[in-house]
Amino acid sequence: MGMFDGKKGLVLGVANNRSIAWAIAKTIMDAGGEVGFTHLPDPPGDEKCKNRRRVTKCTDQYPEKTKFVVPLNVQDDENIAEVMKTAEAEFGKIDFLLHSIAYADRADLSRDTIETSRAGFNMAMEISAYSLIAVANAARHIMNDGGAIATMTYFGGEKCVPGYNVMGICKAALDASMRYLAYDLGPRGIRVNALSAGPLKTLAGSAAGVGEMLAMYQDIAPTCRNITHEEVGRTGAFLLSDCANGITGEILHVDGGYNAMGSPGRLLDKVRELQQQS
């Protein structure tokens, strides 16, 4: 018997087969869950529908567990409502919702935080932080009591991570939103948590310079290695399952212990070796 047998829910934000959201969704479906997916809308006139195709390439592997794949623009409340209507028509009620959506203009990501444009800041905050509030508000009407919501965050919202820039501010707002939503939905037994993953090779990670971060995490993390998609997938599924019924308002780190370090740790040994060689 699977951990998600009889459970139904939404996964928002799969971009392709390397997405963390897909790793979590796979774990859920392998454990018996049924899922409705959303994808980034394709531009008008794009006959190839690249965004949709990237997602259906994943979901086609689970034809019996995938109940629908629809576009979602989190800046459009009407579109959010349409997605929830689709979920209600398919499932009646849902048990879980995974929010894995974030965006900032590359121009703003590549410049110092102090130079972030006003328009870029507003857009990044709306898509990366407010969207959690928007979808949670829309989903609560079709979510069973005792359900679960999880969002994807990053350590750059807790501490300054040079290069993460405006997205770090967005993640800090997302983390705070998660805690307040946990309070609002708590009386119904609906839990809201965040999963903070270490660097992984994903579409979003490529925009944040994940290559350099992978090497740094491997040197500093107590486990002396990077995490895997499968590890994040299992942890994300755990947060959305009944096994985590006593957990809400939390940020769960899956980073090999990197966040626990107060110094560069074993990386200092490498620095000393280089100093001795020079």
C-alpha atoms as a PDB file:
ATOM      1  CA  MET A   1       0.000   0.000   0.000  1.00  0.00           C
ATOM      2  CA  GLY A   2       1.428   3.351  -1.078  1.00  0.00           C
ATOM      3  CA  MET A   3       1.776   6.409   1.127  1.00  0.00           C
ATOM      4  CA  PHE A   4      -0.396   8.411  -1.306  1.00  0.00           C
ATOM      5  CA  ASP A   5      -3.027   5.805  -2.138  1.00  0.00           C
ATOM      6  CA  GLY A   6      -6.347   7.621  -2.500  1.00  0.00           C
ATOM      7  CA  LYS A   7      -4.656  11.047  -2.348  1.00  0.00           C
ATOM      8  CA  LYS A   8      -5.175  13.679  -5.041  1.00  0.00           C
ATOM      9  CA  GLY A   9      -3.487  16.993  -5.575  1.00  0.00           C
ATOM     10  CA  LEU A  10      -1.865  19.675  -7.686  1.00  0.00           C
ATOM     11  CA  VAL A  11       1.752  20.190  -8.697  1.00  0.00           C
ATOM     12  CA  LEU A  12       2.417  23.713  -9.932  1.00  0.00           C
ATOM     13  CA  GLY A  13       5.648  24.606 -11.651  1.00  0.00           C
ATOM     14  CA  VAL A  14       7.175  21.590 -13.407  1.00  0.00           C
ATOM     15  CA  ALA A  15       9.418  22.967 -16.176  1.00  0.00           C
ATOM     16  CA  ASN A  16      11.076  19.784 -17.427  1.00  0.00           C
ATOM     17  CA  ASN A  17      12.394  16.413 -16.277  1.00  0.00           C
ATOM     18  CA  ARG A  18      15.113  18.056 -14.156  1.00  0.00           C
ATOM     19  CA  SER A  19      12.661  20.150 -12.135  1.00  0.00           C
ATOM     20  CA  ILE A  20      12.549  19.567  -8.398  1.00  0.00           C
ATOM     21  CA  ALA A  21       8.762  19.660  -8.700  1.00  0.00           C
ATOM     22  CA  TRP A  22       8.929  16.701 -11.083  1.00  0.00           C
ATOM     23  CA  ALA A  23      11.136  14.733  -8.678  1.00  0.00           C
ATOM     24  CA  ILE A  24       8.524  15.274  -5.952  1.00  0.00           C
ATOM     25  CA  ALA A  25       5.613  14.504  -8.268  1.00  0.00           C
ATOM     26  CA  LYS A  26       7.225  11.251  -9.393  1.00  0.00           C
ATOM     27  CA  THR A  27       7.649  10.146  -5.797  1.00  0.00           C
ATOM     28  CA  ILE A  28       4.014  10.955  -5.066  1.00  0.00           C
ATOM     29  CA  MET A  29       2.714   9.080  -8.106  1.00  0.00           C
ATOM     30  CA  ASP A  30       4.970   6.095  -7.448  1.00  0.00           C
ATOM     31  CA  ALA A  31       3.364   5.994  -3.993  1.00  0.00           C
ATOM     32  CA  GLY A  32      -0.155   5.921  -5.438  1.00  0.00           C
ATOM     33  CA  GLY A  33      -1.120   9.589  -5.684  1.00  0.00           C
ATOM     34  CA  GLU A  34      -3.055  11.176  -8.526  1.00  0.00           C
ATOM     35  CA  VAL A  35      -1.849  14.554  -9.790  1.00  0.00           C
ATOM     36  CA  GLY A  36      -3.009  17.491 -11.862  1.00  0.00           C
ATOM     37  CA  PHE A  37      -0.157  19.522 -13.357  1.00  0.00           C
ATOM     38  CA  THR A  38       0.259  23.080 -14.553  1.00  0.00           C
ATOM     39  CA  HIS A  39       2.861  24.518 -16.878  1.00  0.00           C
ATOM     40  CA  LEU A  40       4.060  27.969 -17.897  1.00  0.00           C
ATOM     41  CA  PRO A  41       1.736  29.285 -20.639  1.00  0.00           C
ATOM     42  CA  ASP A  42       3.128  29.111 -24.149  1.00  0.00           C
ATOM     43  CA  PRO A  43       3.408  32.418 -26.027  1.00  0.00           C
ATOM     44  CA  PRO A  44       0.577  33.141 -28.455  1.00  0.00           C
ATOM     45  CA  GLY A  45       1.373  31.737 -31.868  1.00  0.00           C
ATOM     46  CA  ASP A  46       3.878  29.187 -30.574  1.00  0.00           C
ATOM     47  CA  GLU A  47       2.672  26.186 -32.535  1.00  0.00           C
ATOM     48  CA  LYS A  48       5.299  23.931 -30.977  1.00  0.00           C
ATOM     49  CA  CYS A  49       3.939  24.638 -27.459  1.00  0.00           C
ATOM     50  CA  LYS A  50       7.401  24.088 -25.988  1.00  0.00           C
ATOM     51  CA  ASN A  51       6.431  24.679 -22.355  1.00  0.00           C
ATOM     52  CA  ARG A  52       3.556  22.213 -22.495  1.00  0.00           C
ATOM     53  CA  ARG A  53       5.606  19.640 -24.388  1.00  0.00           C
ATOM     54  CA  ARG A  54       8.407  19.716 -21.812  1.00  0.00           C
ATOM     55  CA  VAL A  55       5.890  18.866 -19.088  1.00  0.00           C
ATOM     56  CA  THR A  56       3.880  16.267 -21.024  1.00  0.00           C
ATOM     57  CA  LYS A  57       7.148  14.557 -21.913  1.00  0.00           C
ATOM     58  CA  CYS A  58       7.385  13.874 -18.176  1.00  0.00           C
ATOM     59  CA  THR A  59       3.744  13.172 -17.405  1.00  0.00           C
ATOM     60  CA  ASP A  60       3.313  10.790 -20.350  1.00  0.00           C
ATOM     61  CA  GLN A  61       5.338   8.340 -18.253  1.00  0.00           C
ATOM     62  CA  TYR A  62       2.430   8.248 -15.778  1.00  0.00           C
ATOM     63  CA  PRO A  63      -0.742   8.187 -17.919  1.00  0.00           C
ATOM     64  CA  GLU A  64      -2.899   6.639 -15.187  1.00  0.00           C
ATOM     65  CA  LYS A  65      -1.750   8.983 -12.430  1.00  0.00           C
ATOM     66  CA  THR A  66      -1.681  12.214 -14.459  1.00  0.00           C
ATOM     67  CA  LYS A  67      -5.220  13.616 -14.540  1.00  0.00           C
ATOM     68  CA  PHE A  68      -4.632  16.856 -16.453  1.00  0.00           C
ATOM     69  CA  VAL A  69      -1.942  19.253 -17.656  1.00  0.00           C
ATOM     70  CA  VAL A  70      -3.038  22.881 -18.033  1.00  0.00           C
ATOM     71  CA  PRO A  71      -1.338  26.285 -18.369  1.00  0.00           C
ATOM     72  CA  LEU A  72      -1.114  28.585 -15.363  1.00  0.00           C
ATOM     73  CA  ASN A  73      -0.226  32.259 -15.232  1.00  0.00           C
ATOM     74  CA  VAL A  74       0.032  33.095 -11.523  1.00  0.00           C
ATOM     75  CA  GLN A  75      -0.270  36.811 -12.327  1.00  0.00           C
ATOM     76  CA  ASP A  76      -3.852  36.190 -13.479  1.00  0.00           C
ATOM     77  CA  ASP A  77      -6.407  35.468 -10.738  1.00  0.00           C
ATOM     78  CA  GLU A  78      -8.968  34.306 -13.288  1.00  0.00           C
ATOM     79  CA  ASN A  79      -6.520  31.743 -14.636  1.00  0.00           C
ATOM     80  CA  ILE A  80      -5.784  30.538 -11.098  1.00  0.00           C
ATOM     81  CA  ALA A  81      -9.528  30.129 -10.519  1.00  0.00           C
ATOM     82  CA  GLU A  82      -9.840  28.167 -13.787  1.00  0.00           C
ATOM     83  CA  VAL A  83      -7.151  25.737 -12.660  1.00  0.00           C
ATOM     84  CA  MET A  84      -8.943  25.171  -9.362  1.00  0.00           C
ATOM     85  CA  LYS A  85     -12.224  24.575 -11.221  1.00  0.00           C
ATOM     86  CA  THR A  86     -10.464  21.995 -13.361  1.00  0.00           C
ATOM     87  CA  ALA A  87      -9.109  20.319 -10.231  1.00  0.00           C
ATOM     88  CA  GLU A  88     -12.525  20.353  -8.585  1.00  0.00           C
ATOM     89  CA  ALA A  89     -14.163  18.848 -11.669  1.00  0.00           C
ATOM     90  CA  GLU A  90     -11.549  16.080 -11.801  1.00  0.00           C
ATOM     91  CA  PHE A  91     -10.980  15.363  -8.117  1.00  0.00           C
ATOM     92  CA  GLY A  92     -13.820  16.943  -6.168  1.00  0.00           C
ATOM     93  CA  LYS A  93     -11.455  17.705  -3.283  1.00  0.00           C
ATOM     94  CA  ILE A  94      -7.668  17.739  -3.180  1.00  0.00           C
ATOM     95  CA  ASP A  95      -5.294  16.617  -0.436  1.00  0.00           C
ATOM     96  CA  PHE A  96      -2.068  18.389  -1.369  1.00  0.00           C
ATOM     97  CA  LEU A  97      -0.626  21.243  -3.372  1.00  0.00           C
ATOM     98  CA  LEU A  98       2.999  21.784  -4.373  1.00  0.00           C
ATOM     99  CA  HIS A  99       4.005  25.347  -5.289  1.00  0.00           C
ATOM    100  CA  SER A 100       7.279  25.429  -7.215  1.00  0.00           C
ATOM    101  CA  ILE A 101       7.142  28.764  -9.017  1.00  0.00           C
ATOM    102  CA  ALA A 102       9.695  31.572  -9.098  1.00  0.00           C
ATOM    103  CA  TYR A 103      10.921  34.093 -11.637  1.00  0.00           C
ATOM    104  CA  ALA A 104      13.096  37.177 -11.892  1.00  0.00           C
ATOM    105  CA  ASP A 105      14.349  38.987 -14.953  1.00  0.00           C
ATOM    106  CA  ARG A 106      17.869  37.854 -15.853  1.00  0.00           C
ATOM    107  CA  ALA A 107      18.976  41.476 -16.056  1.00  0.00           C
ATOM    108  CA  ASP A 108      17.999  41.996 -12.421  1.00  0.00           C
ATOM    109  CA  LEU A 109      19.514  38.698 -11.310  1.00  0.00           C
ATOM    110  CA  SER A 110      22.829  39.563 -12.933  1.00  0.00           C
ATOM    111  CA  ARG A 111      23.228  42.968 -11.287  1.00  0.00           C
ATOM    112  CA  ASP A 112      23.894  43.894  -7.661  1.00  0.00           C
ATOM    113  CA  THR A 113      20.761  43.866  -5.510  1.00  0.00           C
ATOM    114  CA  ILE A 114      21.045  47.605  -4.917  1.00  0.00           C
ATOM    115  CA  GLU A 115      20.571  48.157  -8.657  1.00  0.00           C
ATOM    116  CA  THR A 116      17.409  46.060  -8.975  1.00  0.00           C
ATOM    117  CA  SER A 117      14.824  47.834 -11.125  1.00  0.00           C
ATOM    118  CA  ARG A 118      11.483  48.775  -9.590  1.00  0.00           C
ATOM    119  CA  ALA A 119       9.542  46.954 -12.296  1.00  0.00           C
ATOM    120  CA  GLY A 120      11.772  43.887 -12.005  1.00  0.00           C
ATOM    121  CA  PHE A 121      11.408  43.809  -8.223  1.00  0.00           C
ATOM    122  CA  ASN A 122       7.626  44.027  -8.404  1.00  0.00           C
ATOM    123  CA  MET A 123       7.408  41.272 -11.002  1.00  0.00           C
ATOM    124  CA  ALA A 124       9.802  38.958  -9.150  1.00  0.00           C
ATOM    125  CA  MET A 125       7.931  39.408  -5.865  1.00  0.00           C
ATOM    126  CA  GLU A 126       4.519  38.876  -7.456  1.00  0.00           C
ATOM    127  CA  ILE A 127       5.509  35.675  -9.240  1.00  0.00           C
ATOM    128  CA  SER A 128       7.905  34.231  -6.668  1.00  0.00           C
ATOM    129  CA  ALA A 129       6.221  35.164  -3.374  1.00  0.00           C
ATOM    130  CA  TYR A 130       2.676  36.479  -3.739  1.00  0.00           C
ATOM    131  CA  SER A 131       1.772  33.569  -6.022  1.00  0.00           C
ATOM    132  CA  LEU A 132       1.875  31.224  -3.010  1.00  0.00           C
ATOM    133  CA  ILE A 133      -0.755  33.339  -1.241  1.00  0.00           C
ATOM    134  CA  ALA A 134      -2.853  33.544  -4.401  1.00  0.00           C
ATOM    135  CA  VAL A 135      -2.918  29.810  -5.124  1.00  0.00           C
ATOM    136  CA  ALA A 136      -3.362  28.854  -1.462  1.00  0.00           C
ATOM    137  CA  ASN A 137      -6.354  31.190  -1.196  1.00  0.00           C
ATOM    138  CA  ALA A 138      -7.897  29.726  -4.338  1.00  0.00           C
ATOM    139  CA  ALA A 139      -7.136  26.119  -3.378  1.00  0.00           C
ATOM    140  CA  ARG A 140      -8.412  26.228   0.214  1.00  0.00           C
ATOM    141  CA  HIS A 141     -12.019  25.975  -0.989  1.00  0.00           C
ATOM    142  CA  ILE A 142     -11.341  22.604  -2.642  1.00  0.00           C
ATOM    143  CA  MET A 143      -8.794  21.242  -0.155  1.00  0.00           C
ATOM    144  CA  ASN A 144      -9.740  18.628   2.385  1.00  0.00           C
ATOM    145  CA  ASP A 145      -9.228  19.424   6.054  1.00  0.00           C
ATOM    146  CA  GLY A 146      -5.920  17.899   7.060  1.00  0.00           C
ATOM    147  CA  GLY A 147      -4.398  18.636   3.663  1.00  0.00           C
ATOM    148  CA  ALA A 148      -0.911  19.959   2.962  1.00  0.00           C
ATOM    149  CA  ILE A 149       0.758  22.726   0.969  1.00  0.00           C
ATOM    150  CA  ALA A 150       4.481  22.887   0.289  1.00  0.00           C
ATOM    151  CA  THR A 151       6.582  25.486  -1.484  1.00  0.00           C
ATOM    152  CA  MET A 152      10.162  25.515  -2.734  1.00  0.00           C
ATOM    153  CA  THR A 153      12.523  28.006  -1.119  1.00  0.00           C
ATOM    154  CA  TYR A 154      16.294  28.471  -0.825  1.00  0.00           C
ATOM    155  CA  PHE A 155      18.871  29.374   1.840  1.00  0.00           C
ATOM    156  CA  GLY A 156      19.406  32.732   0.086  1.00  0.00           C
ATOM    157  CA  GLY A 157      16.203  33.910   1.746  1.00  0.00           C
ATOM    158  CA  GLU A 158      17.666  33.300   5.211  1.00  0.00           C
ATOM    159  CA  LYS A 159      21.233  34.504   4.663  1.00  0.00           C
ATOM    160  CA  CYS A 160      22.900  36.705   2.080  1.00  0.00           C
ATOM    161  CA  VAL A 161      24.118  34.552  -0.817  1.00  0.00           C
ATOM    162  CA  PRO A 162      26.027  36.798  -3.236  1.00  0.00           C
ATOM    163  CA  GLY A 163      24.773  36.288  -6.766  1.00  0.00           C
ATOM    164  CA  TYR A 164      21.277  35.240  -5.671  1.00  0.00           C
ATOM    165  CA  ASN A 165      20.436  38.933  -5.319  1.00  0.00           C
ATOM    166  CA  VAL A 166      16.780  39.963  -5.716  1.00  0.00           C
ATOM    167  CA  MET A 167      15.618  36.347  -5.634  1.00  0.00           C
ATOM    168  CA  GLY A 168      16.939  36.088  -2.081  1.00  0.00           C
ATOM    169  CA  ILE A 169      14.574  38.891  -1.065  1.00  0.00           C
ATOM    170  CA  CYS A 170      11.729  37.090  -2.812  1.00  0.00           C
ATOM    171  CA  LYS A 171      12.497  33.855  -0.973  1.00  0.00           C
ATOM    172  CA  ALA A 172      12.543  35.700   2.369  1.00  0.00           C
ATOM    173  CA  ALA A 173       9.063  37.007   1.560  1.00  0.00           C
ATOM    174  CA  LEU A 174       7.990  33.531   0.479  1.00  0.00           C
ATOM    175  CA  ASP A 175       9.231  32.042   3.758  1.00  0.00           C
ATOM    176  CA  ALA A 176       7.291  34.610   5.787  1.00  0.00           C
ATOM    177  CA  SER A 177       4.188  34.066   3.659  1.00  0.00           C
ATOM    178  CA  MET A 178       4.430  30.334   4.291  1.00  0.00           C
ATOM    179  CA  ARG A 179       4.436  30.870   8.065  1.00  0.00           C
ATOM    180  CA  TYR A 180       1.437  33.203   8.013  1.00  0.00           C
ATOM    181  CA  LEU A 181      -0.490  30.835   5.735  1.00  0.00           C
ATOM    182  CA  ALA A 182       0.288  28.010   8.155  1.00  0.00           C
ATOM    183  CA  TYR A 183      -1.380  30.067  10.864  1.00  0.00           C
ATOM    184  CA  ASP A 184      -4.402  30.990   8.743  1.00  0.00           C
ATOM    185  CA  LEU A 185      -5.059  27.415   7.605  1.00  0.00           C
ATOM    186  CA  GLY A 186      -4.082  25.717  10.858  1.00  0.00           C
ATOM    187  CA  PRO A 187      -7.602  25.485  12.314  1.00  0.00           C
ATOM    188  CA  ARG A 188      -8.561  23.223   9.404  1.00  0.00           C
ATOM    189  CA  GLY A 189      -5.527  21.022   9.929  1.00  0.00           C
ATOM    190  CA  ILE A 190      -4.023  22.205   6.633  1.00  0.00           C
ATOM    191  CA  ARG A 191      -0.256  22.363   6.952  1.00  0.00           C
ATOM    192  CA  VAL A 192       1.997  24.761   5.024  1.00  0.00           C
ATOM    193  CA  ASN A 193       5.754  24.190   4.843  1.00  0.00           C
ATOM    194  CA  ALA A 194       8.758  25.043   2.703  1.00  0.00           C
ATOM    195  CA  LEU A 195      11.495  22.806   1.371  1.00  0.00           C
ATOM    196  CA  SER A 196      14.921  24.422   1.021  1.00  0.00           C
ATOM    197  CA  ALA A 197      17.051  22.376  -1.353  1.00  0.00           C
ATOM    198  CA  GLY A 198      20.739  22.725  -1.973  1.00  0.00           C
ATOM    199  CA  PRO A 199      21.920  23.444  -5.525  1.00  0.00           C
ATOM    200  CA  LEU A 200      20.781  21.070  -8.270  1.00  0.00           C
ATOM    201  CA  LYS A 201      21.103  21.173 -12.031  1.00  0.00           C
ATOM    202  CA  THR A 202      17.693  22.553 -12.971  1.00  0.00           C
ATOM    203  CA  LEU A 203      16.410  25.155 -15.422  1.00  0.00           C
ATOM    204  CA  ALA A 204      16.060  27.682 -12.596  1.00  0.00           C
ATOM    205  CA  GLY A 205      19.440  26.716 -11.164  1.00  0.00           C
ATOM    206  CA  SER A 206      21.218  27.545 -14.399  1.00  0.00           C
ATOM    207  CA  ALA A 207      20.076  31.173 -14.064  1.00  0.00           C
ATOM    208  CA  ALA A 208      21.493  31.340 -10.523  1.00  0.00           C
ATOM    209  CA  GLY A 209      24.994  30.073 -11.364  1.00  0.00           C
ATOM    210  CA  VAL A 210      24.499  26.616  -9.910  1.00  0.00           C
ATOM    211  CA  GLY A 211      27.799  25.265 -11.284  1.00  0.00           C
ATOM    212  CA  GLU A 212      30.002  27.215  -8.876  1.00  0.00           C
ATOM    213  CA  MET A 213      27.611  26.539  -6.002  1.00  0.00           C
ATOM    214  CA  LEU A 214      27.792  22.766  -6.514  1.00  0.00           C
ATOM    215  CA  ALA A 215      31.536  22.804  -5.958  1.00  0.00           C
ATOM    216  CA  MET A 216      31.241  25.032  -2.885  1.00  0.00           C
ATOM    217  CA  TYR A 217      28.498  22.952  -1.262  1.00  0.00           C
ATOM    218  CA  GLN A 218      30.495  19.776  -1.793  1.00  0.00           C
ATOM    219  CA  ASP A 219      33.454  21.288   0.031  1.00  0.00           C
ATOM    220  CA  ILE A 220      31.513  22.875   2.905  1.00  0.00           C
ATOM    221  CA  ALA A 221      28.567  20.540   3.623  1.00  0.00           C
ATOM    222  CA  PRO A 222      29.187  18.036   6.460  1.00  0.00           C
ATOM    223  CA  THR A 223      28.289  15.181   4.088  1.00  0.00           C
ATOM    224  CA  CYS A 224      31.053  16.254   1.659  1.00  0.00           C
ATOM    225  CA  ARG A 225      28.727  15.827  -1.327  1.00  0.00           C
ATOM    226  CA  ASN A 226      25.851  17.383  -3.175  1.00  0.00           C
ATOM    227  CA  ILE A 227      22.264  16.267  -2.835  1.00  0.00           C
ATOM    228  CA  THR A 228      20.279  14.431  -5.517  1.00  0.00           C
ATOM    229  CA  HIS A 229      16.924  14.992  -7.171  1.00  0.00           C
ATOM    230  CA  GLU A 230      15.708  11.758  -5.631  1.00  0.00           C
ATOM    231  CA  GLU A 231      16.524  12.932  -2.098  1.00  0.00           C
ATOM    232  CA  VAL A 232      14.608  16.164  -2.602  1.00  0.00           C
ATOM    233  CA  GLY A 233      11.765  14.242  -4.220  1.00  0.00           C
ATOM    234  CA  ARG A 234      11.360  11.961  -1.215  1.00  0.00           C
ATOM    235  CA  THR A 235      11.514  14.848   1.257  1.00  0.00           C
ATOM    236  CA  GLY A 236       9.003  16.944  -0.660  1.00  0.00           C
ATOM    237  CA  ALA A 237       6.606  14.009  -0.822  1.00  0.00           C
ATOM    238  CA  PHE A 238       7.076  13.468   2.915  1.00  0.00           C
ATOM    239  CA  LEU A 239       6.021  17.050   3.682  1.00  0.00           C
ATOM    240  CA  LEU A 240       2.852  16.567   1.624  1.00  0.00           C
ATOM    241  CA  SER A 241       2.032  13.209   3.197  1.00  0.00           C
ATOM    242  CA  ASP A 242       0.233  12.218   6.398  1.00  0.00           C
ATOM    243  CA  CYS A 243       3.644  11.260   7.813  1.00  0.00           C
ATOM    244  CA  ALA A 244       4.294  14.973   8.371  1.00  0.00           C
ATOM    245  CA  ASN A 245       0.979  15.744  10.065  1.00  0.00           C
ATOM    246  CA  GLY A 246       2.691  17.369  13.050  1.00  0.00           C
ATOM    247  CA  ILE A 247       4.849  19.717  10.961  1.00  0.00           C
ATOM    248  CA  THR A 248       3.743  23.153   9.783  1.00  0.00           C
ATOM    249  CA  GLY A 249       5.291  26.585   9.358  1.00  0.00           C
ATOM    250  CA  GLU A 250       8.714  24.985   8.909  1.00  0.00           C
ATOM    251  CA  ILE A 251      11.592  25.275   6.445  1.00  0.00           C
ATOM    252  CA  LEU A 252      13.055  21.810   5.936  1.00  0.00           C
ATOM    253  CA  HIS A 253      16.587  21.916   4.531  1.00  0.00           C
ATOM    254  CA  VAL A 254      17.809  19.226   2.158  1.00  0.00           C
ATOM    255  CA  ASP A 255      21.363  20.408   1.593  1.00  0.00           C
ATOM    256  CA  GLY A 256      23.671  17.870   3.209  1.00  0.00           C
ATOM    257  CA  GLY A 257      23.851  20.063   6.304  1.00  0.00           C
ATOM    258  CA  TYR A 258      25.308  23.102   4.525  1.00  0.00           C
ATOM    259  CA  ASN A 259      22.927  25.464   6.338  1.00  0.00           C
ATOM    260  CA  ALA A 260      24.209  24.252   9.722  1.00  0.00           C
ATOM    261  CA  MET A 261      27.778  25.365   9.092  1.00  0.00           C
ATOM    262  CA  GLY A 262      29.139  28.479  10.798  1.00  0.00           C
ATOM    263  CA  SER A 263      32.455  28.380   8.928  1.00  0.00           C
ATOM    264  CA  PRO A 264      33.764  27.078   5.586  1.00  0.00           C
ATOM    265  CA  GLY A 265      34.621  23.838   7.360  1.00  0.00           C
ATOM    266  CA  ARG A 266      36.780  21.447   5.312  1.00  0.00           C
ATOM    267  CA  LEU A 267      37.131  24.052   2.580  1.00  0.00           C
ATOM    268  CA  LEU A 268      39.669  25.691   4.909  1.00  0.00           C
ATOM    269  CA  ASP A 269      41.897  22.644   4.505  1.00  0.00           C
ATOM    270  CA  LYS A 270      42.003  23.234   0.751  1.00  0.00           C
ATOM    271  CA  VAL A 271      42.790  26.897   1.280  1.00  0.00           C
ATOM    272  CA  ARG A 272      45.656  25.991   3.619  1.00  0.00           C
ATOM    273  CA  GLU A 273      47.031  23.517   1.087  1.00  0.00           C
ATOM    274  CA  LEU A 274      47.015  26.176  -1.614  1.00  0.00           C
ATOM    275  CA  GLN A 275      48.722  28.628   0.722  1.00  0.00           C
ATOM    276  CA  GLN A 276      51.433  26.083   1.499  1.00  0.00           C
ATOM    277  CA  GLN A 277      51.961  25.362  -2.190  1.00  0.00           C
ATOM    278  CA  SER A 278      52.357  29.038  -2.925  1.00  0.00           C
END
